Amino acid sequence: MSLVEVTDFEIHLSSAFFEYNFSPTMKARFEGAHFLNEDGRTFDKTFYDGNIANGAVSRVDLQDNRVIADYVLSLQATF
């Protein structure tokens, strides 16, 4: 059995945040991740029966994984 594998990772911005100070001891923070462009991975794996030169494909695996945007709103205080 022979194998050919191709993986493509897409460029992405990890996260960004905005903070607002209500007082010296309290602030609110809004953070978002994966929201400017798609974060994902494309995976292509081809299995050959015997040698690749024979060209007899036994199995093909195709995967396209995507990560959706997520957001967090937090209130932080110091005591």
Protein backbone atom coordinates (compact mmCIF):
# COMPACT_ATOMS: atom_id res chain seq x y z
CA MET A 1 0.00 0.00 0.00
CA SER A 2 1.24 3.49 -0.87
CA LEU A 3 -0.02 6.85 0.33
CA VAL A 4 -0.11 10.46 -0.93
CA GLU A 5 -1.20 13.13 1.57
CA VAL A 6 -1.82 16.87 1.00
CA THR A 7 -2.79 19.23 3.87
CA ASP A 8 -3.58 22.94 3.40
CA PHE A 9 -3.80 25.21 6.46
CA GLU A 10 -5.50 28.56 5.81
CA ILE A 11 -4.08 31.83 7.12
CA HIS A 12 -6.20 33.37 9.87
CA LEU A 13 -6.26 36.02 12.55
CA SER A 14 -6.37 34.26 15.89
CA SER A 15 -8.26 36.81 18.02
CA ALA A 16 -8.84 40.47 18.82
CA PHE A 17 -10.29 42.22 21.86
CA PHE A 18 -11.64 45.53 23.10
CA GLU A 19 -11.47 46.63 26.75
CA TYR A 20 -13.26 49.44 28.54
CA ASN A 21 -12.28 50.58 32.07
CA PHE A 22 -15.27 51.61 34.19
CA SER A 23 -13.02 52.45 37.14
CA PRO A 24 -9.41 51.71 38.18
CA THR A 25 -10.56 48.34 39.57
CA MET A 26 -13.23 47.23 37.05
CA LYS A 27 -13.23 46.68 33.31
CA ALA A 28 -15.30 44.98 30.63
CA ARG A 29 -13.69 42.98 27.85
CA PHE A 30 -15.15 41.79 24.55
CA GLU A 31 -13.05 39.24 22.65
CA GLY A 32 -13.67 37.55 19.32
CA ALA A 33 -11.81 34.74 17.58
CA HIS A 34 -11.92 33.40 14.00
CA PHE A 35 -14.23 36.18 12.80
CA LEU A 36 -12.31 38.02 10.05
CA ASN A 37 -11.80 35.04 7.77
CA GLU A 38 -12.38 31.32 7.82
CA ASP A 39 -10.02 29.24 9.89
CA GLY A 40 -9.73 25.75 8.58
CA ARG A 41 -7.82 22.86 7.15
CA THR A 42 -8.27 20.93 3.92
CA PHE A 43 -6.98 17.38 3.99
CA ASP A 44 -6.64 15.07 0.97
CA LYS A 45 -5.31 11.54 1.41
CA THR A 46 -5.12 8.99 -1.43
CA PHE A 47 -4.36 5.32 -0.75
CA TYR A 48 -3.02 3.18 -3.59
CA ASP A 49 -3.27 -0.58 -3.89
CA GLY A 50 0.38 -1.56 -4.20
CA ASN A 51 2.77 0.90 -5.88
CA ILE A 52 1.71 4.45 -6.81
CA ALA A 53 3.10 3.90 -10.30
CA ASN A 54 0.43 1.21 -10.88
CA GLY A 55 -2.29 3.83 -10.41
CA ALA A 56 -4.74 1.50 -8.65
CA VAL A 57 -6.51 3.67 -6.05
CA SER A 58 -8.01 1.73 -3.15
CA ARG A 59 -9.38 4.66 -1.10
CA VAL A 60 -9.59 8.47 -1.09
CA ASP A 61 -10.17 10.51 2.10
CA LEU A 62 -11.24 14.14 1.72
CA GLN A 63 -11.78 16.39 4.76
CA ASP A 64 -12.65 20.07 4.95
CA ASN A 65 -12.69 21.33 8.55
CA ARG A 66 -13.93 24.83 9.45
CA VAL A 67 -13.90 26.69 12.76
CA ILE A 68 -16.77 29.08 13.38
CA ALA A 69 -16.35 32.44 15.09
CA ASP A 70 -16.68 32.62 18.86
CA TYR A 71 -17.12 35.64 21.14
CA VAL A 72 -16.59 36.23 24.88
CA LEU A 73 -17.87 39.11 27.00
CA SER A 74 -16.30 39.33 30.47
CA LEU A 75 -16.38 41.65 33.45
CA GLN A 76 -13.09 41.81 35.39
CA ALA A 77 -12.56 43.37 38.80
CA THR A 78 -9.69 43.73 41.26
CA PHE A 79 -10.36 43.59 45.00
